[in-house]
């Protein structure tokens, strides 16, 4: 069975929208994804670091569209682990676990990996929105599009814009997720682009 490592914030949980909501509640200004293109959250939202330490920030994030249904299908077929670099924000640990329990009840506690660095993760596929996590990964990498990475060249990573693309790439019997076997992703990408 193949192992898939799935990031949480920005892949399952809509971190950008949560920043938008917090800033809007504070300032009355609602930013859009266009405002965050090519910028870090710290550059887009003046008080981003403050929001990250507020109780409930991680617990209240919206779920990214189609992630629940597609992740359930992946979990039924593969060995799935949710991998979150959560220890930078220790208060987030319980919030993230509660969030996963609520929105992804088929993910067991044994499938939740909260760490500081993802460099130690050993899997066949990693789905993440940050280059810092994908660049050192030895398996196949899928870069999940978020405003902060949307303008960047993907380099050696395959870009995915939504969970329907992930479903097509990883659950299509004609595709391979074994990183040692080359797979042509161009038809899948163009279908949803």
N, C-alpha and C. Protein backbone atom coordinates (compact mmCIF):
# COMPACT_ATOMS: atom_id res chain seq x y z
N UNK A 1 0.84 -1.19 0.00
CA UNK A 1 0.00 0.00 0.00
C UNK A 1 0.89 1.25 0.00
N UNK A 2 0.50 2.25 -0.77
CA UNK A 2 1.26 3.49 -0.85
C UNK A 2 0.88 4.43 0.28
N UNK A 3 1.84 5.22 0.72
CA UNK A 3 1.64 6.16 1.82
C UNK A 3 1.58 7.58 1.28
N UNK A 4 0.56 8.33 1.72
CA UNK A 4 0.36 9.71 1.30
C UNK A 4 0.38 10.61 2.53
N UNK A 5 1.25 11.62 2.51
CA UNK A 5 1.34 12.61 3.58
C UNK A 5 0.59 13.86 3.11
N UNK A 6 -0.38 14.30 3.89
CA UNK A 6 -1.23 15.42 3.52
C UNK A 6 -1.08 16.53 4.55
N UNK A 7 -0.73 17.71 4.08
CA UNK A 7 -0.64 18.89 4.93
C UNK A 7 -2.04 19.27 5.40
N UNK A 8 -2.10 20.06 6.45
CA UNK A 8 -3.39 20.46 6.99
C UNK A 8 -3.74 21.89 6.59
N UNK A 9 -3.00 22.88 7.11
CA UNK A 9 -3.30 24.29 6.85
C UNK A 9 -2.97 24.64 5.40
N UNK A 10 -3.97 25.12 4.67
CA UNK A 10 -3.76 25.47 3.28
C UNK A 10 -4.02 24.34 2.30
N UNK A 11 -4.28 23.14 2.82
CA UNK A 11 -4.59 21.99 1.97
C UNK A 11 -5.94 21.38 2.37
N UNK A 12 -6.14 21.15 3.64
CA UNK A 12 -7.43 20.69 4.16
C UNK A 12 -8.21 21.84 4.79
N UNK A 13 -7.51 22.66 5.54
CA UNK A 13 -8.11 23.79 6.25
C UNK A 13 -7.78 25.08 5.51
N UNK A 14 -8.78 25.91 5.30
CA UNK A 14 -8.60 27.15 4.53
C UNK A 14 -8.04 28.25 5.42
N UNK A 15 -6.73 28.21 5.57
CA UNK A 15 -6.00 29.15 6.42
C UNK A 15 -6.14 30.58 5.90
N UNK A 16 -6.06 30.77 4.59
CA UNK A 16 -6.15 32.12 4.03
C UNK A 16 -7.50 32.75 4.37
N UNK A 17 -8.57 32.00 4.18
CA UNK A 17 -9.91 32.52 4.49
C UNK A 17 -10.04 32.83 5.98
N UNK A 18 -9.40 32.03 6.83
CA UNK A 18 -9.45 32.32 8.26
C UNK A 18 -8.75 33.64 8.58
N UNK A 19 -7.62 33.91 7.95
CA UNK A 19 -6.96 35.21 8.12
C UNK A 19 -7.88 36.33 7.63
N UNK A 20 -8.53 36.13 6.50
CA UNK A 20 -9.46 37.13 5.96
C UNK A 20 -10.54 37.44 6.99
N UNK A 21 -11.13 36.40 7.56
CA UNK A 21 -12.21 36.57 8.54
C UNK A 21 -11.74 37.32 9.78
N UNK A 22 -10.57 36.95 10.29
CA UNK A 22 -10.06 37.61 11.50
C UNK A 22 -9.76 39.08 11.22
N UNK A 23 -9.13 39.36 10.08
CA UNK A 23 -8.81 40.76 9.77
C UNK A 23 -10.09 41.57 9.54
N UNK A 24 -11.06 40.97 8.88
CA UNK A 24 -12.32 41.66 8.62
C UNK A 24 -13.03 42.00 9.94
N UNK A 25 -13.02 41.06 10.88
CA UNK A 25 -13.64 41.30 12.19
C UNK A 25 -12.94 42.44 12.93
N UNK A 26 -11.64 42.58 12.71
CA UNK A 26 -10.86 43.61 13.40
C UNK A 26 -10.92 44.96 12.70
N UNK A 27 -10.89 44.96 11.37
CA UNK A 27 -10.74 46.22 10.63
C UNK A 27 -11.92 46.60 9.75
N UNK A 28 -12.78 45.64 9.44
CA UNK A 28 -13.87 45.91 8.51
C UNK A 28 -13.43 45.84 7.05
N UNK A 29 -12.17 45.50 6.81
CA UNK A 29 -11.64 45.38 5.45
C UNK A 29 -11.55 43.89 5.11
N UNK A 30 -12.18 43.52 3.99
CA UNK A 30 -12.15 42.12 3.56
C UNK A 30 -11.23 41.98 2.36
N UNK A 31 -10.09 41.33 2.58
CA UNK A 31 -9.14 41.11 1.50
C UNK A 31 -9.56 39.90 0.67
N UNK A 32 -9.02 39.84 -0.55
CA UNK A 32 -9.31 38.73 -1.45
C UNK A 32 -8.02 37.97 -1.72
N UNK A 33 -8.16 36.84 -2.38
CA UNK A 33 -6.96 36.05 -2.73
C UNK A 33 -6.03 36.88 -3.61
N UNK A 34 -6.57 37.74 -4.43
CA UNK A 34 -5.74 38.60 -5.28
C UNK A 34 -4.80 39.47 -4.44
N UNK A 35 -5.27 39.91 -3.29
CA UNK A 35 -4.43 40.72 -2.39
C UNK A 35 -3.25 39.94 -1.85
N UNK A 36 -3.36 38.62 -1.81
CA UNK A 36 -2.29 37.80 -1.25
C UNK A 36 -1.39 37.14 -2.27
N UNK A 37 -1.62 37.42 -3.55
CA UNK A 37 -0.82 36.75 -4.59
C UNK A 37 0.67 37.02 -4.42
N UNK A 38 1.42 35.94 -4.29
CA UNK A 38 2.87 36.03 -4.19
C UNK A 38 3.39 36.58 -2.87
N UNK A 39 2.53 36.72 -1.88
CA UNK A 39 2.93 37.27 -0.58
C UNK A 39 2.71 36.25 0.52
N UNK A 40 3.52 36.33 1.55
CA UNK A 40 3.29 35.49 2.72
C UNK A 40 2.08 36.04 3.48
N UNK A 41 1.56 35.24 4.38
CA UNK A 41 0.44 35.71 5.19
C UNK A 41 0.85 36.93 6.03
N UNK A 42 2.10 36.95 6.51
CA UNK A 42 2.59 38.10 7.28
C UNK A 42 2.60 39.37 6.44
N UNK A 43 2.87 39.24 5.15
CA UNK A 43 2.87 40.40 4.27
C UNK A 43 1.45 40.84 3.90
N UNK A 44 0.54 39.90 3.84
CA UNK A 44 -0.84 40.20 3.44
C UNK A 44 -1.68 40.72 4.59
N UNK A 45 -1.49 40.15 5.76
CA UNK A 45 -2.31 40.50 6.93
C UNK A 45 -1.42 41.08 8.02
N UNK A 46 -1.64 42.33 8.35
CA UNK A 46 -0.77 43.05 9.28
C UNK A 46 -0.63 42.35 10.64
N UNK A 47 -1.69 41.75 11.12
CA UNK A 47 -1.65 41.11 12.44
C UNK A 47 -1.71 39.59 12.36
N UNK A 48 -1.18 39.03 11.31
CA UNK A 48 -1.24 37.58 11.10
C UNK A 48 -0.67 36.82 12.29
N UNK A 49 0.47 37.23 12.80
CA UNK A 49 1.10 36.51 13.91
C UNK A 49 0.25 36.57 15.17
N UNK A 50 -0.44 37.67 15.36
CA UNK A 50 -1.34 37.80 16.52
C UNK A 50 -2.49 36.81 16.39
N UNK A 51 -3.08 36.74 15.20
CA UNK A 51 -4.21 35.83 14.98
C UNK A 51 -3.82 34.38 15.24
N UNK A 52 -2.61 34.00 14.83
CA UNK A 52 -2.17 32.62 14.97
C UNK A 52 -2.12 32.16 16.43
N UNK A 53 -1.95 33.09 17.35
CA UNK A 53 -1.88 32.74 18.77
C UNK A 53 -3.21 32.92 19.49
N UNK A 54 -4.24 33.36 18.80
CA UNK A 54 -5.54 33.54 19.44
C UNK A 54 -6.24 32.19 19.57
N UNK A 55 -6.82 31.92 20.74
CA UNK A 55 -7.57 30.67 20.90
C UNK A 55 -8.69 30.59 19.87
N UNK A 56 -8.82 29.44 19.26
CA UNK A 56 -9.88 29.21 18.28
C UNK A 56 -9.48 29.43 16.84
N UNK A 57 -8.32 30.04 16.59
CA UNK A 57 -7.93 30.32 15.22
C UNK A 57 -7.86 29.03 14.39
N UNK A 58 -7.16 28.04 14.89
CA UNK A 58 -7.01 26.78 14.16
C UNK A 58 -8.28 25.93 14.23
N UNK A 59 -8.98 26.01 15.33
CA UNK A 59 -10.19 25.19 15.51
C UNK A 59 -11.32 25.62 14.58
N UNK A 60 -11.37 26.91 14.23
CA UNK A 60 -12.48 27.44 13.45
C UNK A 60 -12.24 27.58 11.96
N UNK A 61 -11.15 27.04 11.45
CA UNK A 61 -10.87 27.20 10.02
C UNK A 61 -11.92 26.49 9.17
N UNK A 62 -12.29 27.12 8.04
CA UNK A 62 -13.21 26.44 7.12
C UNK A 62 -12.51 25.28 6.42
N UNK A 63 -13.30 24.31 6.01
CA UNK A 63 -12.79 23.14 5.29
C UNK A 63 -12.69 23.49 3.81
N UNK A 64 -11.59 23.11 3.18
CA UNK A 64 -11.40 23.35 1.75
C UNK A 64 -12.33 22.43 0.95
N UNK A 65 -12.97 22.99 -0.05
CA UNK A 65 -13.97 22.28 -0.86
C UNK A 65 -13.46 20.94 -1.36
N UNK A 66 -14.31 19.94 -1.23
CA UNK A 66 -14.11 18.57 -1.73
C UNK A 66 -13.02 17.78 -1.01
N UNK A 67 -12.35 18.39 -0.04
CA UNK A 67 -11.26 17.68 0.64
C UNK A 67 -11.78 16.49 1.44
N UNK A 68 -12.93 16.63 2.07
CA UNK A 68 -13.45 15.53 2.89
C UNK A 68 -13.75 14.29 2.05
N UNK A 69 -14.47 14.49 0.95
CA UNK A 69 -14.86 13.36 0.12
C UNK A 69 -13.66 12.69 -0.53
N UNK A 70 -12.75 13.48 -1.07
CA UNK A 70 -11.59 12.91 -1.77
C UNK A 70 -10.63 12.25 -0.77
N UNK A 71 -10.40 12.90 0.36
CA UNK A 71 -9.49 12.30 1.34
C UNK A 71 -10.06 10.97 1.86
N UNK A 72 -11.37 10.88 2.00
CA UNK A 72 -11.99 9.62 2.42
C UNK A 72 -11.69 8.52 1.40
N UNK A 73 -11.81 8.84 0.12
CA UNK A 73 -11.51 7.86 -0.94
C UNK A 73 -10.04 7.45 -0.89
N UNK A 74 -9.15 8.44 -0.71
CA UNK A 74 -7.72 8.12 -0.61
C UNK A 74 -7.46 7.25 0.61
N UNK A 75 -8.09 7.58 1.72
CA UNK A 75 -7.89 6.83 2.96
C UNK A 75 -8.38 5.38 2.83
N UNK A 76 -9.41 5.18 2.04
CA UNK A 76 -9.92 3.82 1.83
C UNK A 76 -8.96 2.98 0.99
N UNK A 77 -8.14 3.63 0.20
CA UNK A 77 -7.27 2.91 -0.74
C UNK A 77 -5.79 2.92 -0.35
N UNK A 78 -5.35 3.97 0.34
CA UNK A 78 -3.94 4.14 0.67
C UNK A 78 -3.74 4.35 2.16
N UNK A 79 -2.49 4.38 2.54
CA UNK A 79 -2.11 4.70 3.92
C UNK A 79 -1.92 6.22 3.99
N UNK A 80 -2.87 6.91 4.61
CA UNK A 80 -2.88 8.38 4.64
C UNK A 80 -2.47 8.87 6.03
N UNK A 81 -1.60 9.89 6.03
CA UNK A 81 -1.22 10.56 7.27
C UNK A 81 -1.42 12.06 7.08
N UNK A 82 -2.02 12.70 8.07
CA UNK A 82 -2.12 14.15 8.08
C UNK A 82 -0.89 14.65 8.81
N UNK A 83 -0.09 15.46 8.12
CA UNK A 83 1.19 15.91 8.67
C UNK A 83 1.16 17.44 8.76
N UNK A 84 1.24 17.93 9.99
CA UNK A 84 1.18 19.37 10.21
C UNK A 84 2.36 19.83 11.06
N UNK A 85 3.07 20.84 10.57
CA UNK A 85 4.16 21.44 11.35
C UNK A 85 3.54 22.35 12.40
N UNK A 86 2.97 21.72 13.41
CA UNK A 86 2.12 22.42 14.39
C UNK A 86 2.85 22.87 15.64
N UNK A 87 4.02 22.35 15.90
CA UNK A 87 4.64 22.63 17.20
C UNK A 87 5.13 24.07 17.34
N UNK A 88 5.19 24.82 16.23
CA UNK A 88 5.53 26.24 16.32
C UNK A 88 4.45 26.98 17.12
N UNK A 89 3.23 26.48 17.07
CA UNK A 89 2.10 27.07 17.78
C UNK A 89 1.51 26.00 18.70
N UNK A 90 2.13 25.79 19.87
CA UNK A 90 1.74 24.68 20.74
C UNK A 90 0.25 24.65 21.09
N UNK A 91 -0.37 25.83 21.19
CA UNK A 91 -1.79 25.87 21.52
C UNK A 91 -2.64 25.30 20.38
N UNK A 92 -2.04 25.18 19.19
CA UNK A 92 -2.80 24.68 18.04
C UNK A 92 -2.98 23.17 18.07
N UNK A 93 -2.18 22.46 18.84
CA UNK A 93 -2.19 21.00 18.79
C UNK A 93 -3.57 20.42 19.08
N UNK A 94 -4.17 20.81 20.19
CA UNK A 94 -5.49 20.28 20.54
C UNK A 94 -6.54 20.78 19.56
N UNK A 95 -6.41 22.05 19.12
CA UNK A 95 -7.38 22.59 18.17
C UNK A 95 -7.33 21.84 16.85
N UNK A 96 -6.14 21.52 16.39
CA UNK A 96 -6.01 20.78 15.13
C UNK A 96 -6.56 19.37 15.26
N UNK A 97 -6.30 18.72 16.38
CA UNK A 97 -6.82 17.37 16.58
C UNK A 97 -8.35 17.41 16.65
N UNK A 98 -8.91 18.36 17.37
CA UNK A 98 -10.36 18.48 17.45
C UNK A 98 -10.96 18.78 16.07
N UNK A 99 -10.30 19.65 15.31
CA UNK A 99 -10.77 20.01 13.97
C UNK A 99 -10.79 18.77 13.07
N UNK A 100 -9.72 18.00 13.09
CA UNK A 100 -9.67 16.77 12.29
C UNK A 100 -10.73 15.78 12.74
N UNK A 101 -10.90 15.62 14.05
CA UNK A 101 -11.92 14.70 14.56
C UNK A 101 -13.31 15.09 14.08
N UNK A 102 -13.59 16.39 14.02
CA UNK A 102 -14.90 16.85 13.59
C UNK A 102 -15.11 16.70 12.08
N UNK A 103 -14.15 17.17 11.30
CA UNK A 103 -14.34 17.25 9.86
C UNK A 103 -13.86 16.02 9.08
N UNK A 104 -12.96 15.25 9.67
CA UNK A 104 -12.40 14.06 9.01
C UNK A 104 -12.44 12.89 10.01
N UNK A 105 -13.63 12.48 10.44
CA UNK A 105 -13.73 11.47 11.50
C UNK A 105 -13.13 10.11 11.13
N UNK A 106 -12.91 9.87 9.86
CA UNK A 106 -12.31 8.61 9.41
C UNK A 106 -10.79 8.60 9.59
N UNK A 107 -10.20 9.74 9.92
CA UNK A 107 -8.77 9.83 10.21
C UNK A 107 -8.58 9.54 11.70
N UNK A 108 -7.84 8.51 12.02
CA UNK A 108 -7.64 8.13 13.42
C UNK A 108 -6.49 8.93 14.03
N UNK A 109 -6.39 8.88 15.33
CA UNK A 109 -5.31 9.60 16.00
C UNK A 109 -3.94 9.08 15.57
N UNK A 110 -3.86 7.80 15.17
CA UNK A 110 -2.59 7.24 14.72
C UNK A 110 -2.16 7.82 13.37
N UNK A 111 -3.08 8.45 12.66
CA UNK A 111 -2.77 9.02 11.35
C UNK A 111 -2.47 10.52 11.43
N UNK A 112 -2.42 11.08 12.62
CA UNK A 112 -2.14 12.50 12.80
C UNK A 112 -0.71 12.67 13.27
N UNK A 113 0.08 13.43 12.49
CA UNK A 113 1.47 13.68 12.83
C UNK A 113 1.66 15.18 13.00
N UNK A 114 1.89 15.60 14.25
CA UNK A 114 2.15 17.01 14.54
C UNK A 114 3.64 17.12 14.86
N UNK A 115 4.34 17.92 14.06
CA UNK A 115 5.79 17.97 14.17
C UNK A 115 6.29 19.40 14.01
N UNK A 116 7.60 19.57 14.07
CA UNK A 116 8.22 20.86 13.84
C UNK A 116 8.75 20.96 12.43
N UNK A 117 9.37 19.89 11.95
CA UNK A 117 9.92 19.84 10.59
C UNK A 117 9.37 18.61 9.89
N UNK A 118 9.02 18.78 8.62
CA UNK A 118 8.51 17.65 7.85
C UNK A 118 9.63 16.90 7.13
N UNK A 119 10.88 17.28 7.38
CA UNK A 119 12.01 16.64 6.72
C UNK A 119 12.09 15.15 7.06
N UNK A 120 11.55 14.74 8.19
CA UNK A 120 11.63 13.34 8.60
C UNK A 120 10.53 12.48 8.01
N UNK A 121 9.59 13.06 7.30
CA UNK A 121 8.45 12.31 6.79
C UNK A 121 8.86 11.40 5.64
N UNK A 122 8.46 10.14 5.77
CA UNK A 122 8.76 9.12 4.76
C UNK A 122 7.43 8.63 4.18
N UNK A 123 7.18 8.98 2.94
CA UNK A 123 5.95 8.58 2.25
C UNK A 123 6.23 8.52 0.76
N UNK A 124 5.25 8.10 0.00
CA UNK A 124 5.40 8.04 -1.45
C UNK A 124 4.97 9.35 -2.11
N UNK A 125 3.98 10.02 -1.50
CA UNK A 125 3.45 11.27 -2.03
C UNK A 125 3.28 12.25 -0.88
N UNK A 126 3.62 13.53 -1.12
CA UNK A 126 3.32 14.59 -0.16
C UNK A 126 2.51 15.66 -0.87
N UNK A 127 1.41 16.07 -0.24
CA UNK A 127 0.59 17.16 -0.73
C UNK A 127 0.75 18.30 0.26
N UNK A 128 1.26 19.44 -0.21
CA UNK A 128 1.55 20.56 0.68
C UNK A 128 1.50 21.86 -0.11
N UNK A 129 1.33 22.97 0.58
CA UNK A 129 1.30 24.27 -0.11
C UNK A 129 2.59 25.06 0.09
N UNK A 130 3.56 24.49 0.80
CA UNK A 130 4.82 25.20 1.05
C UNK A 130 6.01 24.46 0.45
N UNK A 131 6.81 25.21 -0.30
CA UNK A 131 8.02 24.65 -0.90
C UNK A 131 8.98 24.12 0.15
N UNK A 132 9.06 24.79 1.31
CA UNK A 132 10.01 24.37 2.35
C UNK A 132 9.75 22.93 2.79
N UNK A 133 8.52 22.48 2.67
CA UNK A 133 8.19 21.10 3.04
C UNK A 133 8.37 20.13 1.87
N UNK A 134 8.10 20.60 0.68
CA UNK A 134 8.17 19.73 -0.50
C UNK A 134 9.59 19.55 -1.02
N UNK A 135 10.42 20.60 -0.93
CA UNK A 135 11.74 20.57 -1.56
C UNK A 135 12.64 19.45 -1.04
N UNK A 136 12.55 19.13 0.24
CA UNK A 136 13.42 18.09 0.81
C UNK A 136 12.77 16.70 0.78
N UNK A 137 11.54 16.63 0.35
CA UNK A 137 10.81 15.36 0.34
C UNK A 137 11.32 14.47 -0.80
N UNK A 138 11.50 13.20 -0.53
CA UNK A 138 12.10 12.28 -1.50
C UNK A 138 11.10 11.64 -2.45
N UNK A 139 9.82 11.67 -2.15
CA UNK A 139 8.82 11.05 -3.01
C UNK A 139 8.23 12.04 -4.00
N UNK A 140 7.07 11.69 -4.55
CA UNK A 140 6.35 12.55 -5.49
C UNK A 140 5.70 13.69 -4.71
N UNK A 141 5.76 14.90 -5.26
CA UNK A 141 5.26 16.06 -4.55
C UNK A 141 4.16 16.77 -5.35
N UNK A 142 3.09 17.12 -4.65
CA UNK A 142 2.00 17.88 -5.22
C UNK A 142 1.91 19.21 -4.47
N UNK A 143 2.09 20.30 -5.20
CA UNK A 143 2.03 21.65 -4.63
C UNK A 143 0.59 22.13 -4.71
N UNK A 144 -0.04 22.27 -3.55
CA UNK A 144 -1.43 22.74 -3.51
C UNK A 144 -1.43 24.26 -3.64
N UNK A 145 -2.14 24.76 -4.63
CA UNK A 145 -2.15 26.19 -4.91
C UNK A 145 -2.82 26.98 -3.79
N UNK A 146 -2.09 27.97 -3.32
CA UNK A 146 -2.58 28.97 -2.38
C UNK A 146 -2.04 30.31 -2.86
N UNK A 147 -2.65 31.42 -2.45
CA UNK A 147 -2.19 32.73 -2.95
C UNK A 147 -0.68 32.95 -2.80
N UNK A 148 -0.10 32.51 -1.69
CA UNK A 148 1.33 32.77 -1.45
C UNK A 148 2.24 32.05 -2.46
N UNK A 149 1.77 30.95 -3.08
CA UNK A 149 2.63 30.22 -4.01
C UNK A 149 2.14 30.28 -5.46
N UNK A 150 1.03 30.94 -5.70
CA UNK A 150 0.39 30.89 -7.01
C UNK A 150 1.24 31.46 -8.14
N UNK A 151 2.06 32.46 -7.85
CA UNK A 151 2.89 33.08 -8.89
C UNK A 151 4.24 32.41 -9.05
N UNK A 152 4.58 31.49 -8.15
CA UNK A 152 5.90 30.86 -8.16
C UNK A 152 5.97 29.73 -9.19
N UNK A 153 7.15 29.54 -9.74
CA UNK A 153 7.40 28.38 -10.59
C UNK A 153 7.33 27.13 -9.70
N UNK A 154 6.76 26.07 -10.23
CA UNK A 154 6.58 24.87 -9.41
C UNK A 154 7.86 24.05 -9.27
N UNK A 155 8.84 24.32 -10.11
CA UNK A 155 10.08 23.55 -10.04
C UNK A 155 9.80 22.09 -10.32
N UNK A 156 10.27 21.21 -9.44
CA UNK A 156 10.10 19.77 -9.64
C UNK A 156 8.74 19.26 -9.17
N UNK A 157 7.91 20.13 -8.62
CA UNK A 157 6.63 19.73 -8.05
C UNK A 157 5.50 19.86 -9.07
N UNK A 158 4.47 19.04 -8.92
CA UNK A 158 3.25 19.14 -9.73
C UNK A 158 2.26 20.01 -8.98
N UNK A 159 1.72 21.02 -9.66
CA UNK A 159 0.75 21.90 -9.04
C UNK A 159 -0.65 21.29 -9.14
N UNK A 160 -1.38 21.37 -8.04
CA UNK A 160 -2.79 21.00 -8.02
C UNK A 160 -3.57 22.19 -7.47
N UNK A 161 -4.68 22.49 -8.13
CA UNK A 161 -5.46 23.67 -7.76
C UNK A 161 -6.65 23.37 -6.87
N UNK A 162 -7.02 22.10 -6.77
CA UNK A 162 -8.18 21.74 -5.94
C UNK A 162 -8.15 20.23 -5.70
N UNK A 163 -9.08 19.78 -4.87
CA UNK A 163 -9.13 18.37 -4.50
C UNK A 163 -9.65 17.48 -5.62
N UNK A 164 -10.39 18.03 -6.55
CA UNK A 164 -10.84 17.21 -7.69
C UNK A 164 -9.66 16.84 -8.57
N UNK A 165 -8.70 17.73 -8.70
CA UNK A 165 -7.47 17.38 -9.43
C UNK A 165 -6.70 16.29 -8.70
N UNK A 166 -6.63 16.39 -7.38
CA UNK A 166 -5.93 15.36 -6.59
C UNK A 166 -6.63 14.02 -6.78
N UNK A 167 -7.95 14.03 -6.75
CA UNK A 167 -8.70 12.79 -6.96
C UNK A 167 -8.35 12.17 -8.31
N UNK A 168 -8.34 12.98 -9.33
CA UNK A 168 -8.03 12.46 -10.67
C UNK A 168 -6.60 11.94 -10.75
N UNK A 169 -5.68 12.64 -10.16
CA UNK A 169 -4.27 12.23 -10.23
C UNK A 169 -3.98 10.96 -9.45
N UNK A 170 -4.55 10.84 -8.27
CA UNK A 170 -4.17 9.74 -7.39
C UNK A 170 -5.13 8.55 -7.41
N UNK A 171 -6.34 8.75 -7.89
CA UNK A 171 -7.30 7.65 -7.89
C UNK A 171 -7.63 7.12 -9.28
N UNK A 172 -7.11 7.77 -10.29
CA UNK A 172 -7.30 7.29 -11.66
C UNK A 172 -6.45 6.05 -11.84
N UNK A 173 -7.04 4.93 -12.21
CA UNK A 173 -6.25 3.69 -12.33
C UNK A 173 -5.15 3.76 -13.39
N UNK A 174 -5.22 4.72 -14.30
CA UNK A 174 -4.19 4.84 -15.32
C UNK A 174 -2.98 5.65 -14.84
N UNK A 175 -3.12 6.30 -13.69
CA UNK A 175 -2.02 7.08 -13.14
C UNK A 175 -1.29 6.23 -12.11
N UNK A 176 -0.05 6.58 -11.85
CA UNK A 176 0.74 5.88 -10.84
C UNK A 176 1.15 6.89 -9.78
N UNK A 177 1.14 6.46 -8.52
CA UNK A 177 1.66 7.35 -7.49
C UNK A 177 3.01 6.87 -6.97
N UNK A 178 3.50 5.80 -7.54
CA UNK A 178 4.83 5.33 -7.16
C UNK A 178 5.85 6.28 -7.78
N UNK A 179 6.63 6.96 -6.94
CA UNK A 179 7.54 8.00 -7.45
C UNK A 179 8.67 7.42 -8.32
N UNK A 180 8.82 6.10 -8.34
CA UNK A 180 9.85 5.51 -9.19
C UNK A 180 9.33 5.25 -10.61
N UNK A 181 8.01 5.32 -10.79
CA UNK A 181 7.43 5.09 -12.12
C UNK A 181 6.94 6.43 -12.64
N UNK A 182 7.47 6.90 -13.78
CA UNK A 182 7.04 8.18 -14.30
C UNK A 182 5.56 8.16 -14.66
N UNK A 183 4.88 9.24 -14.43
CA UNK A 183 3.47 9.36 -14.80
C UNK A 183 3.28 10.68 -15.51
N UNK A 184 2.43 10.68 -16.51
CA UNK A 184 2.12 11.89 -17.26
C UNK A 184 0.90 12.54 -16.64
N UNK A 185 1.09 13.68 -15.98
CA UNK A 185 0.00 14.38 -15.32
C UNK A 185 -0.60 15.47 -16.20
N UNK A 186 -0.08 15.70 -17.39
CA UNK A 186 -0.50 16.84 -18.19
C UNK A 186 -1.98 16.80 -18.55
N UNK A 187 -2.52 15.65 -18.88
CA UNK A 187 -3.94 15.60 -19.25
C UNK A 187 -4.82 15.91 -18.05
N UNK A 188 -4.44 15.45 -16.88
CA UNK A 188 -5.24 15.71 -15.68
C UNK A 188 -5.20 17.20 -15.32
N UNK A 189 -4.03 17.81 -15.44
CA UNK A 189 -3.91 19.22 -15.09
C UNK A 189 -4.73 20.07 -16.06
N UNK A 190 -4.62 19.79 -17.36
CA UNK A 190 -5.33 20.62 -18.32
C UNK A 190 -6.83 20.48 -18.20
N UNK A 191 -7.31 19.33 -17.77
CA UNK A 191 -8.74 19.10 -17.63
C UNK A 191 -9.35 20.05 -16.61
N UNK A 192 -8.64 20.38 -15.55
CA UNK A 192 -9.18 21.21 -14.48
C UNK A 192 -8.63 22.62 -14.48
N UNK A 193 -7.71 22.94 -15.35
CA UNK A 193 -7.07 24.25 -15.34
C UNK A 193 -8.03 25.33 -15.83
